[in-house]
């Protein structure tokens, strides 16, 4: 009885095994060429950020702060008069610290207080950079600590960089296919990877007081910046 049971089970199982379809090769199993490339394009900055500071000194912290507030308000009003909106003007630093005199074998003596109020100005028209600096300096600002240029809209430049990267990747894939004795048979996949936006381009600015008339006459040249995109492509090889 035991042998008969095994024979019947084998007979019932055999047709099920025979009916399984043959496995066709998947796309991943086909010969492929995979290449990566970086595309670049140049963009011209159309905006700038400027850090403008008012620094005051007085015998007491309250006096230094009061003087600073008066001058900073004058700077703010002058920039608003140029057409800058409130969202383009933001305070990014306010610092009060004592000025001390040091003598050997004695405790430091406070001889005054310094107050620094720093305003970040987002300039949306580069033609205003010179007038903004000139207006601020003429109203009491005495430190320009940073001037940086940046591009506000990089969408078109990014798409151009993607196209350049894919073109490079295809040329590399074709070269690899020829070297291997074959050719490309079609694109299987494109992956757009990291996008490297150009960082703000700094312009060297001397700290300290600058003549307002000189800054107003100084030409501003933002130059160009490089935007890059990485892509990976997968091609069928035959």
Protein backbone atom coordinates (compact mmCIF):
# COMPACT_ATOMS: atom_id res chain seq x y z
CA UNK A 1 0.00 0.00 0.00
CA UNK A 2 2.82 2.35 0.71
CA UNK A 3 4.41 1.89 -2.75
CA UNK A 4 1.09 2.42 -4.52
CA UNK A 5 0.52 5.69 -2.67
CA UNK A 6 3.89 7.04 -3.78
CA UNK A 7 3.21 6.10 -7.42
CA UNK A 8 -0.16 7.84 -7.45
CA UNK A 9 1.32 11.02 -5.92
CA UNK A 10 4.08 11.08 -8.51
CA UNK A 11 1.60 10.65 -11.33
CA UNK A 12 -0.54 13.55 -10.09
CA UNK A 13 2.43 15.82 -9.56
CA UNK A 14 4.12 15.32 -12.92
CA UNK A 15 1.62 17.28 -15.09
CA UNK A 16 1.77 20.27 -12.73
CA UNK A 17 5.52 20.53 -13.14
CA UNK A 18 5.28 20.21 -16.91
CA UNK A 19 2.77 23.11 -17.14
CA UNK A 20 5.13 25.75 -15.60
CA UNK A 21 6.11 28.30 -18.31
CA UNK A 22 9.72 28.85 -19.25
CA UNK A 23 11.28 31.92 -17.59
CA UNK A 24 12.15 34.64 -20.12
CA UNK A 25 15.21 36.82 -19.55
CA UNK A 26 14.45 40.08 -17.73
CA UNK A 27 15.67 43.50 -18.78
CA UNK A 28 18.22 43.43 -15.98
CA UNK A 29 19.70 40.22 -17.43
CA UNK A 30 20.35 41.78 -20.85
CA UNK A 31 23.81 43.14 -21.66
CA UNK A 32 23.97 46.79 -20.64
CA UNK A 33 26.22 49.81 -20.57
CA UNK A 34 25.90 52.17 -17.58
CA UNK A 35 27.50 55.61 -17.63
CA UNK A 36 27.42 58.69 -15.41
CA UNK A 37 28.23 62.28 -16.30
CA UNK A 38 28.04 65.80 -14.97
CA UNK A 39 26.55 68.62 -17.00
CA UNK A 40 27.39 72.25 -16.37
CA UNK A 41 26.10 75.62 -17.45
CA UNK A 42 26.87 79.20 -16.57
CA UNK A 43 24.47 81.59 -14.87
CA UNK A 44 24.75 85.32 -14.28
CA UNK A 45 23.74 86.46 -10.78
CA UNK A 46 20.88 88.93 -10.76
CA UNK A 47 20.63 89.69 -7.04
CA UNK A 48 22.87 90.49 -4.10
CA UNK A 49 22.89 90.43 -0.30
CA UNK A 50 24.71 93.06 1.72
CA UNK A 51 25.47 93.05 5.43
CA UNK A 52 25.50 96.61 6.70
CA UNK A 53 26.41 97.40 10.30
CA UNK A 54 26.11 100.41 12.55
CA UNK A 55 28.68 100.39 15.35
CA UNK A 56 28.56 102.94 18.16
CA UNK A 57 30.57 103.53 21.32
CA UNK A 58 29.67 105.40 24.51
CA UNK A 59 30.52 105.48 28.21
CA UNK A 60 27.45 103.41 29.09
CA UNK A 61 25.68 100.59 27.34
CA UNK A 62 22.41 102.52 27.35
CA UNK A 63 23.99 105.54 25.68
CA UNK A 64 25.71 103.39 23.04
CA UNK A 65 22.44 101.55 22.33
CA UNK A 66 20.51 104.82 22.05
CA UNK A 67 22.98 106.29 19.58
CA UNK A 68 22.93 103.05 17.62
CA UNK A 69 19.14 102.98 17.42
CA UNK A 70 19.03 106.54 16.08
CA UNK A 71 21.59 105.85 13.37
CA UNK A 72 20.14 102.47 12.41
CA UNK A 73 16.67 104.00 12.02
CA UNK A 74 18.14 106.63 9.70
CA UNK A 75 19.82 103.88 7.66
CA UNK A 76 16.58 101.89 7.51
CA UNK A 77 14.58 104.93 6.39
CA UNK A 78 17.13 105.75 3.70
CA UNK A 79 16.95 102.24 2.28
CA UNK A 80 13.15 102.30 2.30
CA UNK A 81 13.34 105.60 0.42
CA UNK A 82 15.26 103.76 -2.34
CA UNK A 83 12.26 101.48 -2.82
CA UNK A 84 13.34 98.48 -0.75
CA UNK A 85 10.50 96.61 0.95
CA UNK A 86 10.44 95.46 4.58
CA UNK A 87 11.00 91.83 3.56
CA UNK A 88 14.31 92.88 1.99
CA UNK A 89 15.60 94.30 5.28
CA UNK A 90 16.23 92.08 8.29
CA UNK A 91 18.32 92.41 11.45
CA UNK A 92 20.69 89.46 11.72
CA UNK A 93 22.90 90.50 14.61
CA UNK A 94 22.79 92.79 17.63
CA UNK A 95 25.76 92.83 19.94
CA UNK A 96 26.60 94.80 23.10
CA UNK A 97 30.01 94.33 24.66
CA UNK A 98 32.24 96.26 27.06
CA UNK A 99 35.51 97.81 26.02
CA UNK A 100 38.11 97.14 28.72
CA UNK A 101 41.55 98.41 29.60
CA UNK A 102 44.04 95.87 30.89
CA UNK A 103 46.92 96.71 33.20
CA UNK A 104 49.45 94.38 34.84
CA UNK A 105 48.34 92.93 38.19
CA UNK A 106 45.01 94.74 38.11
CA UNK A 107 41.44 93.86 37.32
CA UNK A 108 40.26 94.96 33.86
CA UNK A 109 38.59 98.36 33.86
CA UNK A 110 35.55 99.04 31.67
CA UNK A 111 36.16 102.23 29.72
CA UNK A 112 33.14 102.14 27.44
CA UNK A 113 30.60 100.04 25.61
CA UNK A 114 30.28 99.08 21.96
CA UNK A 115 27.00 98.26 20.24
CA UNK A 116 26.83 96.69 16.77
CA UNK A 117 23.59 96.31 14.85
CA UNK A 118 23.83 94.40 11.55
CA UNK A 119 21.22 94.63 8.82
CA UNK A 120 20.95 92.09 5.98
CA UNK A 121 19.78 93.74 2.77
CA UNK A 122 18.44 91.61 -0.10
CA UNK A 123 18.93 93.66 -3.26
CA UNK A 124 16.73 92.46 -6.12
CA UNK A 125 18.22 94.79 -8.73
CA UNK A 126 21.99 94.87 -9.04
CA UNK A 127 21.86 98.46 -10.22
CA UNK A 128 20.85 99.35 -6.64
CA UNK A 129 23.90 97.83 -4.95
CA UNK A 130 26.00 100.99 -5.14
CA UNK A 131 23.20 103.36 -4.11
CA UNK A 132 22.22 101.09 -1.19
CA UNK A 133 25.75 101.10 0.21
CA UNK A 134 26.12 104.82 -0.37
CA UNK A 135 22.80 105.63 1.33
CA UNK A 136 23.61 103.46 4.34
CA UNK A 137 27.05 104.96 4.84
CA UNK A 138 25.75 108.49 4.52
CA UNK A 139 23.23 107.88 7.33
CA UNK A 140 25.58 106.44 9.92
CA UNK A 141 26.48 102.89 8.90
CA UNK A 142 30.21 102.36 9.30
CA UNK A 143 30.77 98.67 8.49
CA UNK A 144 30.07 96.75 5.27
CA UNK A 145 30.94 93.21 6.29
CA UNK A 146 29.65 91.20 3.33
CA UNK A 147 28.56 91.59 -0.30
CA UNK A 148 27.46 88.43 -2.14
CA UNK A 149 25.85 87.86 -5.53
CA UNK A 150 23.41 85.07 -6.37
CA UNK A 151 21.03 83.93 -9.12
CA UNK A 152 17.35 84.01 -8.16
CA UNK A 153 15.98 81.64 -10.84
CA UNK A 154 18.08 78.71 -11.99
CA UNK A 155 15.36 76.41 -13.41
CA UNK A 156 16.25 76.95 -17.09
CA UNK A 157 19.97 76.68 -16.36
CA UNK A 158 19.41 73.42 -14.44
CA UNK A 159 17.51 71.87 -17.36
CA UNK A 160 20.28 72.92 -19.74
CA UNK A 161 22.81 71.25 -17.45
CA UNK A 162 20.70 68.05 -17.42
CA UNK A 163 20.72 67.99 -21.23
CA UNK A 164 24.49 68.49 -21.31
CA UNK A 165 25.00 65.69 -18.80
CA UNK A 166 22.85 63.20 -20.76
CA UNK A 167 24.70 64.06 -23.97
CA UNK A 168 28.04 63.38 -22.27
CA UNK A 169 26.73 60.13 -20.78
CA UNK A 170 25.54 58.94 -24.20
CA UNK A 171 28.88 59.73 -25.82
CA UNK A 172 30.69 57.79 -23.11
CA UNK A 173 28.28 54.85 -23.50
CA UNK A 174 28.79 54.78 -27.28
CA UNK A 175 32.56 54.82 -26.84
CA UNK A 176 32.36 51.95 -24.34
CA UNK A 177 30.07 49.93 -26.62
CA UNK A 178 32.39 50.36 -29.62
CA UNK A 179 35.40 49.37 -27.56
CA UNK A 180 33.55 46.22 -26.49
CA UNK A 181 32.78 45.28 -30.09
CA UNK A 182 29.09 46.21 -30.11
CA UNK A 183 26.71 49.14 -30.18
CA UNK A 184 23.94 50.74 -28.16
CA UNK A 185 20.46 49.38 -28.81
CA UNK A 186 18.40 51.90 -26.87
CA UNK A 187 18.07 53.81 -23.63
CA UNK A 188 16.69 51.87 -20.66
CA UNK A 189 16.85 54.40 -17.84
CA UNK A 190 17.97 57.92 -16.91
CA UNK A 191 18.44 59.02 -13.30
CA UNK A 192 18.91 62.70 -12.55
CA UNK A 193 21.01 62.92 -9.43
CA UNK A 194 22.44 65.71 -7.34
CA UNK A 195 21.93 69.32 -8.34
CA UNK A 196 24.71 71.70 -7.39
CA UNK A 197 23.44 75.25 -7.26
CA UNK A 198 26.17 77.87 -7.33
CA UNK A 199 26.82 79.32 -3.88
CA UNK A 200 26.56 83.07 -3.38
CA UNK A 201 29.59 84.71 -4.94
CA UNK A 202 31.34 86.93 -2.42
CA UNK A 203 32.92 90.22 -3.33
CA UNK A 204 35.75 91.35 -1.13
CA UNK A 205 34.67 94.35 0.93
CA UNK A 206 36.95 96.14 3.33
CA UNK A 207 35.64 96.43 6.86
CA UNK A 208 35.32 99.91 8.20
CA UNK A 209 34.15 103.25 6.93
CA UNK A 210 33.96 103.89 3.19
CA UNK A 211 33.23 107.13 1.41
CA UNK A 212 29.62 107.07 0.24
CA UNK A 213 30.31 108.97 -2.99
CA UNK A 214 33.04 106.51 -3.91
CA UNK A 215 30.77 103.48 -3.42
CA UNK A 216 27.99 105.05 -5.47
CA UNK A 217 30.35 105.55 -8.40
CA UNK A 218 31.94 102.10 -8.16
CA UNK A 219 30.75 99.76 -10.94
CA UNK A 220 29.38 96.40 -9.74
CA UNK A 221 30.23 93.32 -11.82
CA UNK A 222 28.72 90.05 -10.50
CA UNK A 223 30.54 87.85 -13.06
CA UNK A 224 29.25 84.33 -13.76
CA UNK A 225 28.66 81.20 -11.69
CA UNK A 226 28.67 77.49 -12.57
CA UNK A 227 25.60 75.30 -12.04
CA UNK A 228 26.02 71.51 -12.37
CA UNK A 229 23.83 68.38 -12.40
CA UNK A 230 24.80 64.68 -12.21
CA UNK A 231 22.98 62.00 -14.24
CA UNK A 232 23.28 58.22 -14.59
CA UNK A 233 22.16 56.45 -17.77
CA UNK A 234 21.57 52.77 -18.56
CA UNK A 235 21.71 51.56 -22.18
CA UNK A 236 21.00 48.22 -23.87
CA UNK A 237 24.09 46.69 -25.48
CA UNK A 238 24.07 44.49 -28.57
